[in-house]
Amino acid sequence: MKRLYVISGITGMTGNELAHQLLDHPSDENYVIGFDNFQASSIETIRDCLTDKRLEFFEYDINHNGQMSDFENRVRNLKKNFDETVYINCAAVVHTEHFYHVYETFETNVNGMKRFLEQAVRVGARKYINCSTSEVYSMNSWNEKGGVKESDYLIMADAEHSQRTSYAAGKLLTEFFIKDAVETGKILGCSIRFANVYSRNERYPKHIIPFIIDSFLKDGKVVLLENSKRNKRTFLNNFDSCSAVLALAETDSALDGSIYNVATNEEISIIDLAKLCAEKMGIENPVIEFSGYRESDPERRLLSTDKIRERTGWKPIVNLSRGLDECVAYYSG
């Protein structure tokens, strides 16, 4: 089948890995068109793809109406040459400091997603994959029965506790948009709640794994939040998060407006994570300091992935040890 993939935020962590996996496919039937404004990335993440005749890139902003109109017209022109058009929304304001900026996250993560979904419907795309976040689980991020499920009720911190929750609330709202679009017969689609995704080549060391490695390299120590003394997380390699996106995109029966957790069950404390990074960097007796405290931060985030495994057969293949080796090699290179 000849598929046209339309990707927002294509140079970001999820978008660029999706582009690589699609272009690495043994079939040459895939065609990728995408855009980014480089707020949290750069063209370097897909530079090796730019000479591939199956990819088109535009330096566009999802919040710029004129640019999005031009982009929509290009998709319309391309679409007639393909059996199926799949929209994947990866545009998001995701760096930790942005989580507390209500207007920034709302404009891109909520309004931007909604407009991109409306564009997909207008051009007659068949599918829309909405990248959400496990942050929506907020204070109900784990249980003793193998992790929280997509159908579990949420217990969220609110503005009395932390502005950070506005990011999660916005992402939660996008899940209702896609559910409504599917139920009204406009498109097939789903939302994906990713858990603590990391990549071997993040441009900015903002997320916890690249932050730890970069801190040891530059400062000879790492400074963690006080919460890190007790917090545990699972970490999902970007290769696996993107393989989950594509597994869902290729499984029509799964695109019923559902929500899917995508995670691993390899839980580790943040302190042990820092020590493991140091070990892989050849650092003995690493210096770990603590400063600051994050309100409304769950001690664990453990998700059940039974649903996506049963419906698509997806499972993660990059364990944490291998993933950290790749990250250390990248930042040390």
C-alpha atoms as a PDB file:
ATOM      1  CA  MET A   1       0.000   0.000   0.000  1.00  0.00           C
ATOM      2  CA  LYS A   2       1.264   3.467  -0.864  1.00  0.00           C
ATOM      3  CA  ARG A   3       1.011   5.663   2.229  1.00  0.00           C
ATOM      4  CA  LEU A   4       1.498   9.386   2.639  1.00  0.00           C
ATOM      5  CA  TYR A   5       2.607  10.272   6.177  1.00  0.00           C
ATOM      6  CA  VAL A   6       2.026  13.874   7.289  1.00  0.00           C
ATOM      7  CA  ILE A   7       4.044  14.752  10.400  1.00  0.00           C
ATOM      8  CA  SER A   8       4.002  17.894  12.535  1.00  0.00           C
ATOM      9  CA  GLY A   9       7.096  18.575  14.628  1.00  0.00           C
ATOM     10  CA  ILE A  10       9.153  16.388  12.304  1.00  0.00           C
ATOM     11  CA  THR A  11      12.576  17.471  13.576  1.00  0.00           C
ATOM     12  CA  GLY A  12      11.605  16.899  17.209  1.00  0.00           C
ATOM     13  CA  MET A  13      12.378  13.781  19.192  1.00  0.00           C
ATOM     14  CA  THR A  14       9.394  11.747  18.011  1.00  0.00           C
ATOM     15  CA  GLY A  15       9.038  13.258  14.547  1.00  0.00           C
ATOM     16  CA  ASN A  16      12.592  12.720  13.361  1.00  0.00           C
ATOM     17  CA  GLU A  17      12.687   9.107  14.536  1.00  0.00           C
ATOM     18  CA  LEU A  18       9.396   8.449  12.767  1.00  0.00           C
ATOM     19  CA  ALA A  19      10.834   9.880   9.561  1.00  0.00           C
ATOM     20  CA  HIS A  20      13.895   7.665   9.838  1.00  0.00           C
ATOM     21  CA  GLN A  21      11.869   4.526  10.513  1.00  0.00           C
ATOM     22  CA  LEU A  22       9.516   5.240   7.633  1.00  0.00           C
ATOM     23  CA  LEU A  23      12.330   5.878   5.183  1.00  0.00           C
ATOM     24  CA  ASP A  24      14.246   2.836   6.428  1.00  0.00           C
ATOM     25  CA  HIS A  25      11.281   0.651   5.561  1.00  0.00           C
ATOM     26  CA  PRO A  26      12.207  -2.026   2.987  1.00  0.00           C
ATOM     27  CA  SER A  27       9.374  -0.823   0.790  1.00  0.00           C
ATOM     28  CA  ASP A  28       9.783   2.448  -1.097  1.00  0.00           C
ATOM     29  CA  GLU A  29       6.034   3.094  -1.004  1.00  0.00           C
ATOM     30  CA  ASN A  30       6.139   5.455   1.987  1.00  0.00           C
ATOM     31  CA  TYR A  31       6.289   9.204   1.428  1.00  0.00           C
ATOM     32  CA  VAL A  32       6.821  11.675   4.267  1.00  0.00           C
ATOM     33  CA  ILE A  33       5.952  15.358   4.388  1.00  0.00           C
ATOM     34  CA  GLY A  34       6.490  17.342   7.548  1.00  0.00           C
ATOM     35  CA  PHE A  35       7.232  20.679   9.152  1.00  0.00           C
ATOM     36  CA  ASP A  36       8.838  22.177  12.244  1.00  0.00           C
ATOM     37  CA  ASN A  37       9.696  25.615  13.628  1.00  0.00           C
ATOM     38  CA  PHE A  38      12.846  24.449  15.473  1.00  0.00           C
ATOM     39  CA  GLN A  39      11.644  25.628  18.896  1.00  0.00           C
ATOM     40  CA  ALA A  40      13.031  22.510  20.534  1.00  0.00           C
ATOM     41  CA  SER A  41      15.091  20.927  17.765  1.00  0.00           C
ATOM     42  CA  SER A  42      17.029  21.648  14.588  1.00  0.00           C
ATOM     43  CA  ILE A  43      17.298  20.553  10.982  1.00  0.00           C
ATOM     44  CA  GLU A  44      20.308  18.441  11.983  1.00  0.00           C
ATOM     45  CA  THR A  45      18.020  15.658  13.224  1.00  0.00           C
ATOM     46  CA  ILE A  46      16.804  14.918   9.694  1.00  0.00           C
ATOM     47  CA  ARG A  47      19.651  16.312   7.606  1.00  0.00           C
ATOM     48  CA  ASP A  48      20.577  12.827   6.449  1.00  0.00           C
ATOM     49  CA  CYS A  49      17.019  12.417   5.113  1.00  0.00           C
ATOM     50  CA  LEU A  50      16.811  15.651   3.144  1.00  0.00           C
ATOM     51  CA  THR A  51      18.298  14.153  -0.020  1.00  0.00           C
ATOM     52  CA  ASP A  52      15.759  11.313   0.016  1.00  0.00           C
ATOM     53  CA  LYS A  53      13.189  11.922  -2.722  1.00  0.00           C
ATOM     54  CA  ARG A  54      10.517  10.427  -0.449  1.00  0.00           C
ATOM     55  CA  LEU A  55      10.680  13.281   2.086  1.00  0.00           C
ATOM     56  CA  GLU A  56       9.602  16.919   1.952  1.00  0.00           C
ATOM     57  CA  PHE A  57      10.355  19.360   4.751  1.00  0.00           C
ATOM     58  CA  PHE A  58       8.970  22.833   5.470  1.00  0.00           C
ATOM     59  CA  GLU A  59      10.187  25.281   8.112  1.00  0.00           C
ATOM     60  CA  TYR A  60       6.669  26.102   9.235  1.00  0.00           C
ATOM     61  CA  ASP A  61       4.933  26.843  12.538  1.00  0.00           C
ATOM     62  CA  ILE A  62       1.751  24.957  13.460  1.00  0.00           C
ATOM     63  CA  ASN A  63       0.365  28.212  14.884  1.00  0.00           C
ATOM     64  CA  HIS A  64       0.919  30.223  11.679  1.00  0.00           C
ATOM     65  CA  ASN A  65      -2.306  30.153   9.659  1.00  0.00           C
ATOM     66  CA  GLY A  66      -0.740  31.182   6.360  1.00  0.00           C
ATOM     67  CA  GLN A  67       1.976  28.554   6.542  1.00  0.00           C
ATOM     68  CA  MET A  68      -0.505  25.871   7.497  1.00  0.00           C
ATOM     69  CA  SER A  69      -2.720  26.826   4.570  1.00  0.00           C
ATOM     70  CA  ASP A  70       0.234  26.425   2.195  1.00  0.00           C
ATOM     71  CA  PHE A  71       1.095  23.113   3.816  1.00  0.00           C
ATOM     72  CA  GLU A  72      -2.478  21.876   3.479  1.00  0.00           C
ATOM     73  CA  ASN A  73      -2.475  22.689  -0.216  1.00  0.00           C
ATOM     74  CA  ARG A  74       0.714  20.702  -0.711  1.00  0.00           C
ATOM     75  CA  VAL A  75      -0.788  17.705   1.095  1.00  0.00           C
ATOM     76  CA  ARG A  76      -3.866  17.904  -1.141  1.00  0.00           C
ATOM     77  CA  ASN A  77      -1.672  17.806  -4.227  1.00  0.00           C
ATOM     78  CA  LEU A  78       0.276  14.814  -2.956  1.00  0.00           C
ATOM     79  CA  LYS A  79      -2.637  12.862  -1.540  1.00  0.00           C
ATOM     80  CA  LYS A  80      -4.110  11.831  -4.889  1.00  0.00           C
ATOM     81  CA  ASN A  81      -1.001   9.735  -5.579  1.00  0.00           C
ATOM     82  CA  PHE A  82      -1.411   7.526  -2.486  1.00  0.00           C
ATOM     83  CA  ASP A  83      -3.779   4.853  -1.252  1.00  0.00           C
ATOM     84  CA  GLU A  84      -3.872   6.220   2.283  1.00  0.00           C
ATOM     85  CA  THR A  85      -2.949   9.423   4.094  1.00  0.00           C
ATOM     86  CA  VAL A  86      -1.910   9.267   7.747  1.00  0.00           C
ATOM     87  CA  TYR A  87      -1.518  12.371   9.919  1.00  0.00           C
ATOM     88  CA  ILE A  88       0.733  12.106  12.975  1.00  0.00           C
ATOM     89  CA  ASN A  89       0.739  15.030  15.394  1.00  0.00           C
ATOM     90  CA  CYS A  90       4.106  15.287  17.150  1.00  0.00           C
ATOM     91  CA  ALA A  91       4.132  19.073  17.613  1.00  0.00           C
ATOM     92  CA  ALA A  92       4.306  19.845  21.320  1.00  0.00           C
ATOM     93  CA  VAL A  93       5.900  22.195  23.830  1.00  0.00           C
ATOM     94  CA  VAL A  94       7.611  19.510  25.839  1.00  0.00           C
ATOM     95  CA  HIS A  95      10.705  20.785  27.620  1.00  0.00           C
ATOM     96  CA  THR A  96      10.345  20.787  31.376  1.00  0.00           C
ATOM     97  CA  GLU A  97      10.438  24.565  31.788  1.00  0.00           C
ATOM     98  CA  HIS A  98       7.612  24.948  29.268  1.00  0.00           C
ATOM     99  CA  PHE A  99       5.266  22.747  31.305  1.00  0.00           C
ATOM    100  CA  TYR A 100       4.571  25.694  33.599  1.00  0.00           C
ATOM    101  CA  HIS A 101       3.754  28.161  30.787  1.00  0.00           C
ATOM    102  CA  VAL A 102       0.006  27.831  30.312  1.00  0.00           C
ATOM    103  CA  TYR A 103      -0.363  30.003  27.213  1.00  0.00           C
ATOM    104  CA  GLU A 104       2.544  28.408  25.329  1.00  0.00           C
ATOM    105  CA  THR A 105       1.413  24.864  25.938  1.00  0.00           C
ATOM    106  CA  PHE A 106      -2.238  25.630  25.213  1.00  0.00           C
ATOM    107  CA  GLU A 107      -1.578  27.307  21.871  1.00  0.00           C
ATOM    108  CA  THR A 108       0.600  24.519  20.470  1.00  0.00           C
ATOM    109  CA  ASN A 109      -0.599  21.416  22.282  1.00  0.00           C
ATOM    110  CA  VAL A 110      -4.344  22.137  22.249  1.00  0.00           C
ATOM    111  CA  ASN A 111      -5.165  24.687  19.534  1.00  0.00           C
ATOM    112  CA  GLY A 112      -2.405  23.454  17.262  1.00  0.00           C
ATOM    113  CA  MET A 113      -3.483  19.831  17.599  1.00  0.00           C
ATOM    114  CA  LYS A 114      -7.117  20.753  16.975  1.00  0.00           C
ATOM    115  CA  ARG A 115      -6.298  22.727  13.816  1.00  0.00           C
ATOM    116  CA  PHE A 116      -4.050  19.942  12.520  1.00  0.00           C
ATOM    117  CA  LEU A 117      -6.853  17.431  13.107  1.00  0.00           C
ATOM    118  CA  GLU A 118      -9.309  19.692  11.260  1.00  0.00           C
ATOM    119  CA  GLN A 119      -6.840  19.920   8.393  1.00  0.00           C
ATOM    120  CA  ALA A 120      -6.588  16.127   8.255  1.00  0.00           C
ATOM    121  CA  VAL A 121     -10.374  15.873   8.018  1.00  0.00           C
ATOM    122  CA  ARG A 122     -10.588  18.556   5.316  1.00  0.00           C
ATOM    123  CA  VAL A 123      -8.028  16.896   3.053  1.00  0.00           C
ATOM    124  CA  GLY A 124      -9.704  13.520   3.487  1.00  0.00           C
ATOM    125  CA  ALA A 125      -6.936  11.789   5.438  1.00  0.00           C
ATOM    126  CA  ARG A 126      -7.923   8.344   6.617  1.00  0.00           C
ATOM    127  CA  LYS A 127      -6.060   8.283   9.936  1.00  0.00           C
ATOM    128  CA  TYR A 128      -4.818  10.615  12.659  1.00  0.00           C
ATOM    129  CA  ILE A 129      -2.431   9.610  15.449  1.00  0.00           C
ATOM    130  CA  ASN A 130      -2.419  11.991  18.416  1.00  0.00           C
ATOM    131  CA  CYS A 131       0.712  11.954  20.582  1.00  0.00           C
ATOM    132  CA  SER A 132      -0.379  12.601  24.171  1.00  0.00           C
ATOM    133  CA  THR A 133       1.472  12.010  27.449  1.00  0.00           C
ATOM    134  CA  SER A 134       1.406   9.847  30.572  1.00  0.00           C
ATOM    135  CA  GLU A 135       1.522  13.108  32.541  1.00  0.00           C
ATOM    136  CA  VAL A 136      -2.288  13.022  32.373  1.00  0.00           C
ATOM    137  CA  TYR A 137      -2.266  10.355  35.087  1.00  0.00           C
ATOM    138  CA  SER A 138      -0.846  12.999  37.433  1.00  0.00           C
ATOM    139  CA  MET A 139      -1.264  11.731  40.998  1.00  0.00           C
ATOM    140  CA  ASN A 140      -2.738   8.384  39.916  1.00  0.00           C
ATOM    141  CA  SER A 141       0.345   7.202  38.023  1.00  0.00           C
ATOM    142  CA  TRP A 142       0.796   3.713  39.436  1.00  0.00           C
ATOM    143  CA  ASN A 143      -0.767   0.811  41.265  1.00  0.00           C
ATOM    144  CA  GLU A 144       0.247  -2.588  42.538  1.00  0.00           C
ATOM    145  CA  LYS A 145      -1.547  -4.530  39.779  1.00  0.00           C
ATOM    146  CA  GLY A 146       0.919  -4.011  36.964  1.00  0.00           C
ATOM    147  CA  GLY A 147       0.388  -0.330  36.290  1.00  0.00           C
ATOM    148  CA  VAL A 148      -2.448   2.069  35.557  1.00  0.00           C
ATOM    149  CA  LYS A 149      -4.689   1.337  32.605  1.00  0.00           C
ATOM    150  CA  GLU A 150      -6.083   3.721  30.034  1.00  0.00           C
ATOM    151  CA  SER A 151      -9.581   3.258  31.475  1.00  0.00           C
ATOM    152  CA  ASP A 152      -8.597   4.068  35.074  1.00  0.00           C
ATOM    153  CA  TYR A 153     -10.029   7.239  36.565  1.00  0.00           C
ATOM    154  CA  LEU A 154      -7.644  10.166  36.896  1.00  0.00           C
ATOM    155  CA  ILE A 155      -6.632  12.042  40.021  1.00  0.00           C
ATOM    156  CA  MET A 156      -5.038  15.271  38.872  1.00  0.00           C
ATOM    157  CA  ALA A 157      -3.272  18.039  40.709  1.00  0.00           C
ATOM    158  CA  ASP A 158      -4.791  21.431  39.929  1.00  0.00           C
ATOM    159  CA  ALA A 159      -3.833  25.106  39.986  1.00  0.00           C
ATOM    160  CA  GLU A 160      -3.807  25.051  43.775  1.00  0.00           C
ATOM    161  CA  HIS A 161      -0.905  22.613  43.575  1.00  0.00           C
ATOM    162  CA  SER A 162       1.098  23.251  40.414  1.00  0.00           C
ATOM    163  CA  GLN A 163       0.832  25.083  37.094  1.00  0.00           C
ATOM    164  CA  ARG A 164       2.695  22.120  35.598  1.00  0.00           C
ATOM    165  CA  THR A 165      -0.569  20.181  35.465  1.00  0.00           C
ATOM    166  CA  SER A 166      -1.835  22.583  32.785  1.00  0.00           C
ATOM    167  CA  TYR A 167       0.372  20.717  30.299  1.00  0.00           C
ATOM    168  CA  ALA A 168      -1.287  17.423  31.203  1.00  0.00           C
ATOM    169  CA  ALA A 169      -4.771  18.955  31.180  1.00  0.00           C
ATOM    170  CA  GLY A 170      -4.194  20.316  27.687  1.00  0.00           C
ATOM    171  CA  LYS A 171      -3.006  16.974  26.387  1.00  0.00           C
ATOM    172  CA  LEU A 172      -5.994  15.301  28.017  1.00  0.00           C
ATOM    173  CA  LEU A 173      -8.314  17.646  26.115  1.00  0.00           C
ATOM    174  CA  THR A 174      -6.750  16.618  22.787  1.00  0.00           C
ATOM    175  CA  GLU A 175      -7.764  13.023  23.516  1.00  0.00           C
ATOM    176  CA  PHE A 176     -11.401  14.150  23.546  1.00  0.00           C
ATOM    177  CA  PHE A 177     -10.966  15.857  20.163  1.00  0.00           C
ATOM    178  CA  ILE A 178      -9.751  12.680  18.481  1.00  0.00           C
ATOM    179  CA  LYS A 179     -12.382  10.558  20.230  1.00  0.00           C
ATOM    180  CA  ASP A 180     -15.115  12.856  18.934  1.00  0.00           C
ATOM    181  CA  ALA A 181     -13.709  12.891  15.392  1.00  0.00           C
ATOM    182  CA  VAL A 182     -13.692   9.092  15.291  1.00  0.00           C
ATOM    183  CA  GLU A 183     -17.141   8.679  16.832  1.00  0.00           C
ATOM    184  CA  THR A 184     -18.648  11.129  14.323  1.00  0.00           C
ATOM    185  CA  GLY A 185     -17.123   9.216  11.420  1.00  0.00           C
ATOM    186  CA  LYS A 186     -14.705  11.910  10.293  1.00  0.00           C
ATOM    187  CA  ILE A 187     -11.502   9.888  10.560  1.00  0.00           C
ATOM    188  CA  LEU A 188      -9.860   6.853  12.173  1.00  0.00           C
ATOM    189  CA  GLY A 189      -7.482   7.576  15.011  1.00  0.00           C
ATOM    190  CA  CYS A 190      -6.220   7.218  18.556  1.00  0.00           C
ATOM    191  CA  SER A 191      -4.196   8.919  21.265  1.00  0.00           C
ATOM    192  CA  ILE A 192      -0.936   7.629  22.707  1.00  0.00           C
ATOM    193  CA  ARG A 193       0.197   8.268  26.273  1.00  0.00           C
ATOM    194  CA  PHE A 194       3.988   7.971  26.207  1.00  0.00           C
ATOM    195  CA  ALA A 195       5.894   7.415  29.437  1.00  0.00           C
ATOM    196  CA  ASN A 196       9.223   9.215  29.947  1.00  0.00           C
ATOM    197  CA  VAL A 197      10.570   8.973  26.422  1.00  0.00           C
ATOM    198  CA  TYR A 198      14.270   9.525  25.858  1.00  0.00           C
ATOM    199  CA  SER A 199      16.394   9.565  22.720  1.00  0.00           C
ATOM    200  CA  ARG A 200      19.999   8.794  21.895  1.00  0.00           C
ATOM    201  CA  ASN A 201      20.380  12.160  20.133  1.00  0.00           C
ATOM    202  CA  GLU A 202      18.323  14.833  21.876  1.00  0.00           C
ATOM    203  CA  ARG A 203      19.613  18.234  20.824  1.00  0.00           C
ATOM    204  CA  TYR A 204      19.013  19.875  24.198  1.00  0.00           C
ATOM    205  CA  PRO A 205      19.733  18.020  27.471  1.00  0.00           C
ATOM    206  CA  LYS A 206      16.409  18.928  29.078  1.00  0.00           C
ATOM    207  CA  HIS A 207      14.914  15.539  29.888  1.00  0.00           C
ATOM    208  CA  ILE A 208      16.316  13.626  32.819  1.00  0.00           C
ATOM    209  CA  ILE A 209      18.604  11.118  31.063  1.00  0.00           C
ATOM    210  CA  PRO A 210      20.467  13.571  28.791  1.00  0.00           C
ATOM    211  CA  PHE A 211      20.465  16.073  31.667  1.00  0.00           C
ATOM    212  CA  ILE A 212      22.265  13.616  33.945  1.00  0.00           C
ATOM    213  CA  ILE A 213      24.837  12.669  31.313  1.00  0.00           C
ATOM    214  CA  ASP A 214      25.448  16.278  30.273  1.00  0.00           C
ATOM    215  CA  SER A 215      25.820  17.378  33.905  1.00  0.00           C
ATOM    216  CA  PHE A 216      28.445  14.730  34.647  1.00  0.00           C
ATOM    217  CA  LEU A 217      30.344  15.692  31.488  1.00  0.00           C
ATOM    218  CA  LYS A 218      30.284  19.452  32.061  1.00  0.00           C
ATOM    219  CA  ASP A 219      30.161  19.814  35.852  1.00  0.00           C
ATOM    220  CA  GLY A 220      31.520  16.526  37.166  1.00  0.00           C
ATOM    221  CA  LYS A 221      28.336  16.133  39.201  1.00  0.00           C
ATOM    222  CA  VAL A 222      24.581  16.123  38.877  1.00  0.00           C
ATOM    223  CA  VAL A 223      22.070  18.169  40.871  1.00  0.00           C
ATOM    224  CA  LEU A 224      18.680  16.497  41.211  1.00  0.00           C
ATOM    225  CA  LEU A 225      15.418  17.582  42.790  1.00  0.00           C
ATOM    226  CA  GLU A 226      14.730  16.500  46.352  1.00  0.00           C
ATOM    227  CA  ASN A 227      11.904  14.366  44.938  1.00  0.00           C
ATOM    228  CA  SER A 228      14.549  12.183  43.310  1.00  0.00           C
ATOM    229  CA  LYS A 229      15.390  10.662  46.681  1.00  0.00           C
ATOM    230  CA  ARG A 230      12.230   8.568  46.423  1.00  0.00           C
ATOM    231  CA  ASN A 231      10.922   8.842  42.858  1.00  0.00           C
ATOM    232  CA  LYS A 232      10.903   5.906  40.436  1.00  0.00           C
ATOM    233  CA  ARG A 233      10.156   5.891  36.719  1.00  0.00           C
ATOM    234  CA  THR A 234      10.231   3.684  33.637  1.00  0.00           C
ATOM    235  CA  PHE A 235      12.029   5.019  30.571  1.00  0.00           C
ATOM    236  CA  LEU A 236      10.974   4.393  26.988  1.00  0.00           C
ATOM    237  CA  ASN A 237      13.514   4.558  24.197  1.00  0.00           C
ATOM    238  CA  ASN A 238      12.442   6.744  21.290  1.00  0.00           C
ATOM    239  CA  PHE A 239      12.906   3.896  18.835  1.00  0.00           C
ATOM    240  CA  ASP A 240      10.238   1.941  20.699  1.00  0.00           C
ATOM    241  CA  SER A 241       7.864   4.873  21.134  1.00  0.00           C
ATOM    242  CA  CYS A 242       7.909   5.466  17.371  1.00  0.00           C
ATOM    243  CA  SER A 243       7.540   1.791  16.499  1.00  0.00           C
ATOM    244  CA  ALA A 244       4.372   1.893  18.629  1.00  0.00           C
ATOM    245  CA  VAL A 245       3.052   4.860  16.617  1.00  0.00           C
ATOM    246  CA  LEU A 246       3.581   2.982  13.365  1.00  0.00           C
ATOM    247  CA  ALA A 247       2.135  -0.250  14.739  1.00  0.00           C
ATOM    248  CA  LEU A 248      -1.062   1.614  15.592  1.00  0.00           C
ATOM    249  CA  ALA A 249      -1.119   3.476  12.288  1.00  0.00           C
ATOM    250  CA  GLU A 250      -1.039   0.129  10.478  1.00  0.00           C
ATOM    251  CA  THR A 251      -3.762  -1.501  12.616  1.00  0.00           C
ATOM    252  CA  ASP A 252      -7.144  -0.182  11.493  1.00  0.00           C
ATOM    253  CA  SER A 253      -9.053  -2.060  14.193  1.00  0.00           C
ATOM    254  CA  ALA A 254      -7.088  -0.223  16.889  1.00  0.00           C
ATOM    255  CA  LEU A 255      -8.014   3.229  15.581  1.00  0.00           C
ATOM    256  CA  ASP A 256     -11.374   3.512  17.322  1.00  0.00           C
ATOM    257  CA  GLY A 257     -10.640   6.714  19.228  1.00  0.00           C
ATOM    258  CA  SER A 258      -8.928   4.734  21.972  1.00  0.00           C
ATOM    259  CA  ILE A 259      -6.082   5.761  24.243  1.00  0.00           C
ATOM    260  CA  TYR A 260      -2.966   3.596  24.371  1.00  0.00           C
ATOM    261  CA  ASN A 261      -0.257   3.513  27.006  1.00  0.00           C
ATOM    262  CA  VAL A 262       3.210   3.075  25.551  1.00  0.00           C
ATOM    263  CA  ALA A 263       5.886   2.299  28.134  1.00  0.00           C
ATOM    264  CA  THR A 264       8.226  -0.311  29.526  1.00  0.00           C
ATOM    265  CA  ASN A 265       8.050  -2.138  32.854  1.00  0.00           C
ATOM    266  CA  GLU A 266      11.754  -1.579  33.608  1.00  0.00           C
ATOM    267  CA  GLU A 267      11.328   0.604  36.698  1.00  0.00           C
ATOM    268  CA  ILE A 268      14.316   2.378  38.242  1.00  0.00           C
ATOM    269  CA  SER A 269      14.783   5.046  40.916  1.00  0.00           C
ATOM    270  CA  ILE A 270      16.142   8.391  39.735  1.00  0.00           C
ATOM    271  CA  ILE A 271      19.137   8.039  42.042  1.00  0.00           C
ATOM    272  CA  ASP A 272      19.952   4.603  40.636  1.00  0.00           C
ATOM    273  CA  LEU A 273      19.497   6.006  37.143  1.00  0.00           C
ATOM    274  CA  ALA A 274      22.130   8.656  37.866  1.00  0.00           C
ATOM    275  CA  LYS A 275      24.477   6.027  39.261  1.00  0.00           C
ATOM    276  CA  LEU A 276      23.948   3.784  36.232  1.00  0.00           C
ATOM    277  CA  CYS A 277      24.716   6.663  33.865  1.00  0.00           C
ATOM    278  CA  ALA A 278      27.878   7.406  35.823  1.00  0.00           C
ATOM    279  CA  GLU A 279      28.923   3.760  35.708  1.00  0.00           C
ATOM    280  CA  LYS A 280      28.524   3.705  31.934  1.00  0.00           C
ATOM    281  CA  MET A 281      30.605   6.882  31.727  1.00  0.00           C
ATOM    282  CA  GLY A 282      33.385   5.297  33.797  1.00  0.00           C
ATOM    283  CA  ILE A 283      32.768   7.556  36.788  1.00  0.00           C
ATOM    284  CA  GLU A 284      33.423   6.004  40.179  1.00  0.00           C
ATOM    285  CA  ASN A 285      31.698   7.443  43.256  1.00  0.00           C
ATOM    286  CA  PRO A 286      29.598   9.978  41.306  1.00  0.00           C
ATOM    287  CA  VAL A 287      28.730  13.250  43.019  1.00  0.00           C
ATOM    288  CA  ILE A 288      24.957  13.571  43.323  1.00  0.00           C
ATOM    289  CA  GLU A 289      23.497  16.652  45.006  1.00  0.00           C
ATOM    290  CA  PHE A 290      19.916  17.695  45.682  1.00  0.00           C
ATOM    291  CA  SER A 291      18.241  21.073  45.334  1.00  0.00           C
ATOM    292  CA  GLY A 292      14.664  22.178  44.812  1.00  0.00           C
ATOM    293  CA  TYR A 293      11.378  20.377  45.159  1.00  0.00           C
ATOM    294  CA  ARG A 294       8.590  19.762  42.643  1.00  0.00           C
ATOM    295  CA  GLU A 295       5.059  20.023  43.937  1.00  0.00           C
ATOM    296  CA  SER A 296       2.582  17.289  43.053  1.00  0.00           C
ATOM    297  CA  ASP A 297       5.186  14.931  41.649  1.00  0.00           C
ATOM    298  CA  PRO A 298       4.077  11.259  41.836  1.00  0.00           C
ATOM    299  CA  GLU A 299       6.561   8.904  43.435  1.00  0.00           C
ATOM    300  CA  ARG A 300       6.096   6.351  40.660  1.00  0.00           C
ATOM    301  CA  ARG A 301       4.784   6.264  37.099  1.00  0.00           C
ATOM    302  CA  LEU A 302       4.034   2.707  36.092  1.00  0.00           C
ATOM    303  CA  LEU A 303       1.733   2.030  33.138  1.00  0.00           C
ATOM    304  CA  SER A 304       0.006  -1.085  31.878  1.00  0.00           C
ATOM    305  CA  THR A 305       0.699  -1.706  28.178  1.00  0.00           C
ATOM    306  CA  ASP A 306      -1.560  -4.748  27.850  1.00  0.00           C
ATOM    307  CA  LYS A 307      -3.935  -2.928  25.511  1.00  0.00           C
ATOM    308  CA  ILE A 308      -1.482  -1.994  22.764  1.00  0.00           C
ATOM    309  CA  ARG A 309       0.305  -5.337  23.016  1.00  0.00           C
ATOM    310  CA  GLU A 310      -2.945  -7.254  22.579  1.00  0.00           C
ATOM    311  CA  ARG A 311      -4.271  -5.116  19.733  1.00  0.00           C
ATOM    312  CA  THR A 312      -1.095  -4.635  17.675  1.00  0.00           C
ATOM    313  CA  GLY A 313       1.525  -7.067  18.962  1.00  0.00           C
ATOM    314  CA  TRP A 314       3.850  -4.159  19.772  1.00  0.00           C
ATOM    315  CA  LYS A 315       6.481  -4.530  22.476  1.00  0.00           C
ATOM    316  CA  PRO A 316       9.614  -2.543  23.358  1.00  0.00           C
ATOM    317  CA  ILE A 317      12.936  -3.994  22.229  1.00  0.00           C
ATOM    318  CA  VAL A 318      15.514  -1.462  23.505  1.00  0.00           C
ATOM    319  CA  ASN A 319      16.240  -2.076  27.168  1.00  0.00           C
ATOM    320  CA  LEU A 320      17.470   0.710  29.430  1.00  0.00           C
ATOM    321  CA  SER A 321      21.074  -0.487  29.519  1.00  0.00           C
ATOM    322  CA  ARG A 322      21.393  -0.435  25.738  1.00  0.00           C
ATOM    323  CA  GLY A 323      19.577   2.875  25.483  1.00  0.00           C
ATOM    324  CA  LEU A 324      21.897   4.507  28.016  1.00  0.00           C
ATOM    325  CA  ASP A 325      24.932   3.201  26.141  1.00  0.00           C
ATOM    326  CA  GLU A 326      23.647   4.988  23.018  1.00  0.00           C
ATOM    327  CA  CYS A 327      23.010   8.222  24.927  1.00  0.00           C
ATOM    328  CA  VAL A 328      26.435   8.224  26.580  1.00  0.00           C
ATOM    329  CA  ALA A 329      28.127   7.563  23.231  1.00  0.00           C
ATOM    330  CA  TYR A 330      26.234  10.468  21.627  1.00  0.00           C
ATOM    331  CA  TYR A 331      26.936  13.066  24.316  1.00  0.00           C
ATOM    332  CA  SER A 332      30.523  11.947  24.811  1.00  0.00           C
ATOM    333  CA  GLY A 333      31.304  11.843  21.090  1.00  0.00           C
END
